[in-house]
């Protein structure tokens, strides 16, 4: 996950860290936090690994179910170098030049979510998708 801004709230930070610890039992996982500012587009471009599948979290992106995410995550992970980069923008969203590079523009919800809440939801959904893929009991359809 590449996110603009730092997740400072202890409870939210703990939740994200817990989900990523669970994800790391199965796949490599890294979180990159970037400073918001006038050079955010350049910082985002630099943070996205070469040949990664770029998934931009955008309010007007496509929506999918958890099962759909699990299927897509397997597809994305089998392309390029196997790296999937989820990008969360700052208060002004993701700069157009970064959004245009994305392979998929995904919306977590039609609701407006605070960026820090979106990060918790994203971390949980990545873990849920992996548990679906692995047929583990976490997800109950």
N, C-alpha and C. Protein backbone atom coordinates (compact mmCIF):
# COMPACT_ATOMS: atom_id res chain seq x y z
N UNK A 1 0.85 -1.17 0.00
CA UNK A 1 0.00 0.00 0.00
C UNK A 1 0.89 1.23 0.00
N UNK A 2 0.56 2.15 -0.86
CA UNK A 2 1.26 3.43 -0.90
C UNK A 2 0.21 4.49 -0.56
N UNK A 3 0.42 5.19 0.52
CA UNK A 3 -0.58 6.14 0.99
C UNK A 3 0.05 7.50 1.24
N UNK A 4 -0.71 8.52 0.88
CA UNK A 4 -0.30 9.89 1.19
C UNK A 4 -0.78 10.19 2.60
N UNK A 5 0.13 10.60 3.44
CA UNK A 5 -0.19 10.91 4.83
C UNK A 5 0.25 9.81 5.77
N UNK A 6 0.38 10.17 7.02
CA UNK A 6 0.84 9.24 8.05
C UNK A 6 -0.35 8.87 8.93
N UNK A 7 -0.50 7.58 9.19
CA UNK A 7 -1.56 7.10 10.06
C UNK A 7 -1.07 7.21 11.50
N UNK A 8 -1.58 8.22 12.22
CA UNK A 8 -1.06 8.54 13.55
C UNK A 8 -1.91 7.98 14.68
N UNK A 9 -3.21 7.80 14.46
CA UNK A 9 -4.09 7.35 15.54
C UNK A 9 -3.71 5.93 15.95
N UNK A 10 -3.40 5.76 17.23
CA UNK A 10 -2.89 4.49 17.75
C UNK A 10 -3.81 3.31 17.43
N UNK A 11 -5.10 3.44 17.68
CA UNK A 11 -6.03 2.34 17.44
C UNK A 11 -6.09 1.94 15.98
N UNK A 12 -6.15 2.91 15.09
CA UNK A 12 -6.19 2.62 13.66
C UNK A 12 -4.86 2.03 13.19
N UNK A 13 -3.76 2.59 13.71
CA UNK A 13 -2.43 2.07 13.36
C UNK A 13 -2.31 0.60 13.79
N UNK A 14 -2.81 0.29 14.99
CA UNK A 14 -2.76 -1.07 15.48
C UNK A 14 -3.57 -2.02 14.59
N UNK A 15 -4.75 -1.58 14.15
CA UNK A 15 -5.57 -2.42 13.27
C UNK A 15 -4.87 -2.70 11.95
N UNK A 16 -4.35 -1.66 11.32
CA UNK A 16 -3.64 -1.84 10.05
C UNK A 16 -2.44 -2.77 10.24
N UNK A 17 -1.68 -2.55 11.29
CA UNK A 17 -0.52 -3.40 11.54
C UNK A 17 -0.92 -4.85 11.76
N UNK A 18 -2.03 -5.08 12.46
CA UNK A 18 -2.51 -6.46 12.69
C UNK A 18 -2.89 -7.13 11.37
N UNK A 19 -3.63 -6.43 10.53
CA UNK A 19 -4.02 -7.03 9.24
C UNK A 19 -2.80 -7.30 8.37
N UNK A 20 -1.85 -6.39 8.34
CA UNK A 20 -0.67 -6.63 7.51
C UNK A 20 0.20 -7.74 8.08
N UNK A 21 0.22 -7.91 9.39
CA UNK A 21 0.93 -9.05 9.98
C UNK A 21 0.29 -10.36 9.52
N UNK A 22 -1.03 -10.38 9.45
CA UNK A 22 -1.73 -11.58 8.95
C UNK A 22 -1.43 -11.81 7.48
N UNK A 23 -1.44 -10.75 6.69
CA UNK A 23 -1.14 -10.87 5.25
C UNK A 23 0.27 -11.43 5.06
N UNK A 24 1.21 -10.93 5.85
CA UNK A 24 2.62 -11.34 5.70
C UNK A 24 2.86 -12.81 6.00
N UNK A 25 1.91 -13.48 6.61
CA UNK A 25 2.04 -14.93 6.81
C UNK A 25 1.98 -15.67 5.46
N UNK A 26 1.43 -15.00 4.45
CA UNK A 26 1.19 -15.65 3.16
C UNK A 26 1.92 -15.00 1.99
N UNK A 27 2.04 -13.69 2.01
CA UNK A 27 2.70 -12.97 0.92
C UNK A 27 3.48 -11.78 1.49
N UNK A 28 4.45 -11.31 0.73
CA UNK A 28 5.18 -10.11 1.13
C UNK A 28 4.23 -8.91 1.08
N UNK A 29 4.40 -8.02 2.02
CA UNK A 29 3.50 -6.87 2.12
C UNK A 29 4.28 -5.70 2.71
N UNK A 30 4.12 -4.55 2.09
CA UNK A 30 4.83 -3.36 2.55
C UNK A 30 3.89 -2.17 2.51
N UNK A 31 4.05 -1.26 3.45
CA UNK A 31 3.28 -0.03 3.49
C UNK A 31 4.25 1.15 3.37
N UNK A 32 3.95 2.04 2.45
CA UNK A 32 4.77 3.24 2.24
C UNK A 32 3.89 4.45 2.52
N UNK A 33 4.34 5.31 3.42
CA UNK A 33 3.62 6.54 3.73
C UNK A 33 4.41 7.72 3.17
N UNK A 34 3.71 8.58 2.44
CA UNK A 34 4.34 9.73 1.80
C UNK A 34 3.78 11.03 2.38
N UNK A 35 4.59 12.05 2.36
CA UNK A 35 4.13 13.37 2.81
C UNK A 35 3.24 13.99 1.75
N UNK A 36 2.18 14.63 2.20
CA UNK A 36 1.31 15.37 1.28
C UNK A 36 1.99 16.71 0.99
N UNK A 37 1.87 17.18 -0.20
CA UNK A 37 2.49 18.45 -0.55
C UNK A 37 2.47 18.66 -2.05
N UNK A 38 3.20 19.65 -2.48
CA UNK A 38 3.15 20.02 -3.89
C UNK A 38 3.83 19.01 -4.81
N UNK A 39 4.70 18.19 -4.30
CA UNK A 39 5.39 17.19 -5.13
C UNK A 39 4.84 15.79 -4.91
N UNK A 40 3.57 15.68 -4.49
CA UNK A 40 3.01 14.38 -4.16
C UNK A 40 2.95 13.47 -5.39
N UNK A 41 2.68 14.01 -6.56
CA UNK A 41 2.63 13.17 -7.77
C UNK A 41 3.98 12.52 -8.03
N UNK A 42 5.04 13.30 -7.92
CA UNK A 42 6.39 12.75 -8.14
C UNK A 42 6.72 11.71 -7.07
N UNK A 43 6.34 11.97 -5.83
CA UNK A 43 6.61 11.02 -4.75
C UNK A 43 5.84 9.72 -4.97
N UNK A 44 4.59 9.82 -5.41
CA UNK A 44 3.81 8.61 -5.70
C UNK A 44 4.43 7.83 -6.84
N UNK A 45 4.78 8.51 -7.92
CA UNK A 45 5.39 7.82 -9.07
C UNK A 45 6.67 7.11 -8.64
N UNK A 46 7.48 7.75 -7.83
CA UNK A 46 8.74 7.16 -7.38
C UNK A 46 8.50 5.96 -6.46
N UNK A 47 7.41 5.98 -5.70
CA UNK A 47 7.13 4.91 -4.75
C UNK A 47 6.54 3.65 -5.40
N UNK A 48 5.98 3.80 -6.59
CA UNK A 48 5.37 2.65 -7.27
C UNK A 48 6.47 1.80 -7.90
N UNK A 49 6.56 0.54 -7.51
CA UNK A 49 7.60 -0.33 -8.07
C UNK A 49 7.43 -0.52 -9.59
N UNK A 50 8.54 -0.68 -10.29
CA UNK A 50 8.51 -0.95 -11.73
C UNK A 50 7.69 -2.20 -11.99
N UNK A 51 6.90 -2.17 -13.04
CA UNK A 51 6.11 -3.30 -13.53
C UNK A 51 5.03 -3.76 -12.55
N UNK A 52 4.74 -2.97 -11.52
CA UNK A 52 3.68 -3.33 -10.57
C UNK A 52 2.32 -3.12 -11.21
N UNK A 53 1.35 -3.90 -10.77
CA UNK A 53 -0.05 -3.65 -11.12
C UNK A 53 -0.51 -2.54 -10.18
N UNK A 54 -0.89 -1.41 -10.73
CA UNK A 54 -1.24 -0.24 -9.92
C UNK A 54 -2.76 -0.18 -9.78
N UNK A 55 -3.21 -0.19 -8.53
CA UNK A 55 -4.63 -0.13 -8.21
C UNK A 55 -4.85 1.18 -7.45
N UNK A 56 -5.50 2.12 -8.11
CA UNK A 56 -5.75 3.44 -7.51
C UNK A 56 -7.10 3.43 -6.81
N UNK A 57 -7.11 3.75 -5.53
CA UNK A 57 -8.37 3.84 -4.80
C UNK A 57 -8.97 5.21 -5.05
N UNK A 58 -10.09 5.20 -5.76
CA UNK A 58 -10.73 6.44 -6.20
C UNK A 58 -12.23 6.36 -5.94
N UNK A 59 -12.81 7.46 -5.59
CA UNK A 59 -14.23 7.51 -5.24
C UNK A 59 -15.10 7.06 -6.41
N UNK A 60 -14.69 7.32 -7.65
CA UNK A 60 -15.51 6.96 -8.81
C UNK A 60 -15.00 5.70 -9.52
N UNK A 61 -14.19 4.91 -8.83
CA UNK A 61 -13.68 3.69 -9.41
C UNK A 61 -14.71 2.57 -9.40
N UNK A 62 -14.32 1.43 -9.96
CA UNK A 62 -15.21 0.27 -9.98
C UNK A 62 -15.36 -0.28 -8.56
N UNK A 63 -16.50 -0.87 -8.31
CA UNK A 63 -16.72 -1.52 -7.02
C UNK A 63 -16.71 -3.02 -7.24
N UNK A 64 -16.34 -3.75 -6.20
CA UNK A 64 -16.34 -5.20 -6.30
C UNK A 64 -16.63 -5.81 -4.95
N UNK A 65 -17.02 -7.06 -4.97
CA UNK A 65 -17.25 -7.81 -3.73
C UNK A 65 -15.91 -8.29 -3.19
N UNK A 66 -15.92 -8.81 -1.99
CA UNK A 66 -14.71 -9.39 -1.42
C UNK A 66 -14.25 -10.59 -2.24
N UNK A 67 -15.20 -11.39 -2.70
CA UNK A 67 -14.87 -12.54 -3.54
C UNK A 67 -14.26 -12.07 -4.87
N UNK A 68 -14.83 -11.01 -5.43
CA UNK A 68 -14.29 -10.44 -6.67
C UNK A 68 -12.88 -9.91 -6.47
N UNK A 69 -12.65 -9.28 -5.33
CA UNK A 69 -11.30 -8.79 -5.03
C UNK A 69 -10.33 -9.95 -4.93
N UNK A 70 -10.74 -11.04 -4.30
CA UNK A 70 -9.86 -12.20 -4.18
C UNK A 70 -9.47 -12.71 -5.57
N UNK A 71 -10.43 -12.81 -6.48
CA UNK A 71 -10.14 -13.26 -7.85
C UNK A 71 -9.19 -12.29 -8.55
N UNK A 72 -9.48 -11.01 -8.42
CA UNK A 72 -8.65 -10.00 -9.09
C UNK A 72 -7.25 -9.96 -8.50
N UNK A 73 -7.13 -10.12 -7.19
CA UNK A 73 -5.82 -10.08 -6.54
C UNK A 73 -4.92 -11.20 -7.09
N UNK A 74 -5.49 -12.37 -7.29
CA UNK A 74 -4.73 -13.47 -7.89
C UNK A 74 -4.30 -13.10 -9.31
N UNK A 75 -5.22 -12.52 -10.08
CA UNK A 75 -4.89 -12.11 -11.46
C UNK A 75 -3.80 -11.05 -11.46
N UNK A 76 -3.97 -10.02 -10.63
CA UNK A 76 -2.98 -8.93 -10.59
C UNK A 76 -1.62 -9.46 -10.18
N UNK A 77 -1.60 -10.36 -9.20
CA UNK A 77 -0.34 -10.89 -8.70
C UNK A 77 0.38 -11.79 -9.69
N UNK A 78 -0.32 -12.23 -10.72
CA UNK A 78 0.31 -13.10 -11.72
C UNK A 78 0.85 -12.31 -12.92
N UNK A 79 0.72 -11.00 -12.88
CA UNK A 79 1.18 -10.15 -13.98
C UNK A 79 2.45 -9.40 -13.60
N UNK A 80 3.16 -8.96 -14.62
CA UNK A 80 4.36 -8.15 -14.40
C UNK A 80 5.34 -8.88 -13.51
N UNK A 81 5.74 -8.22 -12.45
CA UNK A 81 6.70 -8.82 -11.52
C UNK A 81 6.01 -9.39 -10.28
N UNK A 82 4.69 -9.51 -10.32
CA UNK A 82 3.94 -10.08 -9.20
C UNK A 82 3.63 -9.09 -8.10
N UNK A 83 3.98 -7.83 -8.29
CA UNK A 83 3.74 -6.81 -7.27
C UNK A 83 2.44 -6.07 -7.58
N UNK A 84 1.63 -5.92 -6.56
CA UNK A 84 0.39 -5.15 -6.67
C UNK A 84 0.55 -3.94 -5.76
N UNK A 85 0.40 -2.75 -6.33
CA UNK A 85 0.56 -1.51 -5.57
C UNK A 85 -0.80 -0.82 -5.44
N UNK A 86 -1.34 -0.80 -4.23
CA UNK A 86 -2.57 -0.08 -3.94
C UNK A 86 -2.19 1.34 -3.57
N UNK A 87 -2.81 2.33 -4.22
CA UNK A 87 -2.45 3.73 -4.00
C UNK A 87 -3.64 4.49 -3.41
N UNK A 88 -3.41 5.13 -2.27
CA UNK A 88 -4.40 5.98 -1.63
C UNK A 88 -3.86 7.40 -1.63
N UNK A 89 -4.61 8.32 -2.19
CA UNK A 89 -4.18 9.71 -2.27
C UNK A 89 -4.39 10.46 -0.97
N UNK A 90 -4.06 11.72 -1.02
CA UNK A 90 -4.26 12.60 0.13
C UNK A 90 -5.63 13.24 0.09
N UNK A 91 -5.76 14.38 0.76
CA UNK A 91 -7.04 15.07 0.85
C UNK A 91 -7.59 15.46 -0.52
N UNK A 92 -6.72 15.69 -1.48
CA UNK A 92 -7.16 16.05 -2.83
C UNK A 92 -7.23 14.85 -3.76
N UNK A 93 -7.13 13.65 -3.22
CA UNK A 93 -7.20 12.46 -4.04
C UNK A 93 -5.85 12.12 -4.67
N UNK A 94 -5.90 11.29 -5.69
CA UNK A 94 -4.70 10.87 -6.40
C UNK A 94 -4.51 11.80 -7.60
N UNK A 95 -3.32 12.35 -7.77
CA UNK A 95 -3.08 13.22 -8.93
C UNK A 95 -3.41 12.50 -10.24
N UNK A 96 -3.96 13.23 -11.20
CA UNK A 96 -4.41 12.65 -12.47
C UNK A 96 -3.31 11.86 -13.17
N UNK A 97 -2.09 12.34 -13.15
CA UNK A 97 -1.02 11.63 -13.86
C UNK A 97 -0.71 10.27 -13.23
N UNK A 98 -0.98 10.12 -11.94
CA UNK A 98 -0.80 8.82 -11.27
C UNK A 98 -2.04 7.96 -11.51
N UNK A 99 -3.20 8.56 -11.41
CA UNK A 99 -4.45 7.84 -11.66
C UNK A 99 -4.49 7.27 -13.08
N UNK A 100 -4.01 8.05 -14.04
CA UNK A 100 -4.01 7.62 -15.44
C UNK A 100 -3.09 6.42 -15.66
N UNK A 101 -2.08 6.25 -14.82
CA UNK A 101 -1.16 5.13 -14.94
C UNK A 101 -1.74 3.84 -14.34
N UNK A 102 -2.77 3.97 -13.54
CA UNK A 102 -3.33 2.81 -12.83
C UNK A 102 -3.93 1.80 -13.80
N UNK A 103 -3.76 0.54 -13.47
CA UNK A 103 -4.37 -0.53 -14.25
C UNK A 103 -5.85 -0.65 -13.91
N UNK A 104 -6.18 -0.33 -12.65
CA UNK A 104 -7.56 -0.37 -12.19
C UNK A 104 -7.78 0.81 -11.25
N UNK A 105 -8.96 1.43 -11.39
CA UNK A 105 -9.38 2.46 -10.45
C UNK A 105 -10.51 1.83 -9.64
N UNK A 106 -10.28 1.66 -8.33
CA UNK A 106 -11.18 0.89 -7.46
C UNK A 106 -11.76 1.80 -6.39
N UNK A 107 -13.05 1.65 -6.15
CA UNK A 107 -13.72 2.37 -5.07
C UNK A 107 -14.08 1.39 -3.97
N UNK A 108 -13.66 1.68 -2.76
CA UNK A 108 -14.01 0.83 -1.63
C UNK A 108 -15.49 0.90 -1.30
N UNK A 109 -16.11 2.05 -1.60
CA UNK A 109 -17.50 2.26 -1.23
C UNK A 109 -18.02 3.51 -1.94
N UNK A 110 -19.32 3.59 -2.07
CA UNK A 110 -19.93 4.83 -2.56
C UNK A 110 -19.93 5.90 -1.45
N UNK A 111 -19.69 5.47 -0.22
CA UNK A 111 -19.59 6.41 0.88
C UNK A 111 -18.26 7.16 0.80
N UNK A 112 -18.23 8.35 1.32
CA UNK A 112 -16.97 9.07 1.44
C UNK A 112 -16.30 8.61 2.73
N UNK A 113 -15.08 8.08 2.60
CA UNK A 113 -14.35 7.59 3.76
C UNK A 113 -13.17 8.51 4.06
N UNK A 114 -12.92 8.74 5.33
CA UNK A 114 -11.70 9.45 5.71
C UNK A 114 -10.53 8.59 5.25
N UNK A 115 -9.44 9.22 4.83
CA UNK A 115 -8.30 8.46 4.32
C UNK A 115 -7.78 7.45 5.33
N UNK A 116 -7.76 7.81 6.58
CA UNK A 116 -7.26 6.89 7.59
C UNK A 116 -8.19 5.69 7.75
N UNK A 117 -9.49 5.89 7.59
CA UNK A 117 -10.43 4.78 7.66
C UNK A 117 -10.30 3.91 6.41
N UNK A 118 -10.11 4.54 5.25
CA UNK A 118 -9.91 3.78 4.01
C UNK A 118 -8.70 2.86 4.13
N UNK A 119 -7.69 3.30 4.81
CA UNK A 119 -6.48 2.46 4.97
C UNK A 119 -6.78 1.23 5.81
N UNK A 120 -7.60 1.38 6.84
CA UNK A 120 -7.99 0.22 7.65
C UNK A 120 -8.84 -0.73 6.81
N UNK A 121 -9.82 -0.19 6.08
CA UNK A 121 -10.68 -1.02 5.24
C UNK A 121 -9.85 -1.74 4.18
N UNK A 122 -8.92 -1.05 3.55
CA UNK A 122 -8.08 -1.68 2.54
C UNK A 122 -7.26 -2.83 3.14
N UNK A 123 -6.63 -2.59 4.27
CA UNK A 123 -5.82 -3.64 4.91
C UNK A 123 -6.67 -4.86 5.23
N UNK A 124 -7.86 -4.63 5.77
CA UNK A 124 -8.75 -5.74 6.11
C UNK A 124 -9.20 -6.48 4.85
N UNK A 125 -9.53 -5.76 3.80
CA UNK A 125 -10.00 -6.40 2.57
C UNK A 125 -8.89 -7.18 1.86
N UNK A 126 -7.67 -6.71 1.95
CA UNK A 126 -6.55 -7.48 1.38
C UNK A 126 -6.41 -8.80 2.16
N UNK A 127 -6.47 -8.72 3.48
CA UNK A 127 -6.40 -9.94 4.27
C UNK A 127 -7.59 -10.86 3.97
N UNK A 128 -8.78 -10.30 3.89
CA UNK A 128 -9.97 -11.10 3.59
C UNK A 128 -9.82 -11.79 2.22
N UNK A 129 -9.34 -11.05 1.23
CA UNK A 129 -9.16 -11.63 -0.12
C UNK A 129 -8.18 -12.80 -0.07
N UNK A 130 -7.11 -12.66 0.67
CA UNK A 130 -6.13 -13.75 0.79
C UNK A 130 -6.75 -14.93 1.50
N UNK A 131 -7.56 -14.68 2.53
CA UNK A 131 -8.20 -15.80 3.24
C UNK A 131 -9.21 -16.51 2.34
N UNK A 132 -9.89 -15.77 1.47
CA UNK A 132 -10.81 -16.40 0.50
C UNK A 132 -10.01 -17.25 -0.47
N UNK A 133 -8.95 -16.68 -1.01
CA UNK A 133 -8.09 -17.39 -1.96
C UNK A 133 -7.54 -18.68 -1.36
N UNK A 134 -7.19 -18.65 -0.08
CA UNK A 134 -6.62 -19.80 0.59
C UNK A 134 -7.67 -20.70 1.23
N UNK A 135 -8.94 -20.38 1.03
CA UNK A 135 -10.05 -21.16 1.62
C UNK A 135 -9.94 -21.27 3.13
N UNK A 136 -9.54 -20.18 3.77
CA UNK A 136 -9.44 -20.14 5.22
C UNK A 136 -10.78 -19.64 5.79
N UNK A 137 -11.08 -19.93 7.05
CA UNK A 137 -12.40 -19.65 7.60
C UNK A 137 -12.70 -18.19 7.97
N UNK A 138 -11.78 -17.27 7.77
CA UNK A 138 -12.01 -15.87 8.17
C UNK A 138 -13.25 -15.29 7.49
N UNK A 139 -13.38 -15.53 6.18
CA UNK A 139 -14.51 -14.96 5.42
C UNK A 139 -15.70 -15.90 5.48
N UNK A 140 -16.83 -15.36 5.85
CA UNK A 140 -18.08 -16.14 5.86
C UNK A 140 -19.03 -15.50 4.86
N UNK A 141 -19.19 -16.15 3.74
CA UNK A 141 -20.05 -15.60 2.66
C UNK A 141 -21.50 -15.62 3.06
